[in-house]
Amino acid sequence: MRIDRYLELKQFIGEVAKMRILHHRPTPDTMEYLERERILIPRLRLRYPDEIERRWFNDERYGWEPVGTREPDGERWHAACALEEARQNANLRRQRADPLDHPHPLDHPNREWRQFVQYPKRRKFVTWNHFKVRVGEQNGDVRFKADTVVTYYSSWQLLLFLECHRMGVHFTGNTDGWNWIEAEVPEHWRASTSFEPIRALRKFAEFERQLDAVGNRGVQAALSR
């Protein structure tokens, strides 16, 4: 299991898949559902304004007519570019070595970067489809950019995912010939509910700040907030 306090969504899903606890690889829809239900909430999320996303898209791709307002030169534009450069450089360094040995720009983000940092636990849930940004148009074809946010998880949340997988009501019965489309559970099937995952989730929530600070050089600062 990769120990890192900044696992991006694809990395987190990849680590879950390595555990081989599910028959199928989890999807972003799975993670969105867990966030919506407030069961497994990302540690933080980077989200840049639509105007910045449009400018990045139009600067990198030719042939698309701009749609909507693009970010002009200014403090916000330069702050976003600086944060992205620092983040990408940190990713390269941490891929080659133990990520716990290298600081991350989001450990102590510069003041001008904080406007782009969101803490989902403190915010009302927003459907991930809402993150799409209309960025361009070509021959009547409107282009939307979906990957406009960077969602981060901590590695300890992999253990939380295990508990989520155990949560719920489980039925035991013969599914041969069962009409699963109607989803009606036969009365003679046996049902069982495990309360251990609930206790585990509460414990994780109790020590969340300490777990998030693992490997962080600013651990004392994090614990004293």
Foldseek 3Di string as FASTA:
>chain_A
DAADLWQWPVRLQVVLVVVVPDPDRDDVVVVLVCLLVVQQNFAKKFFDDLQDVLVVVPVVDPQWAWDDHHDDDDLLNVLVVVLVVQQVVLVVVCVVDRNLVDAGCVLDPDPSRVVRMGGSVVDNRDRLQVSWHFRTHHPNRTDIDRPRMITTHGPVCSVSVVLVVLADKDWDDDCVVPPCVVPDDDPPIDIDGDCVSVVVSVVCVVCVQQRSCVSPPCSVVSVVD
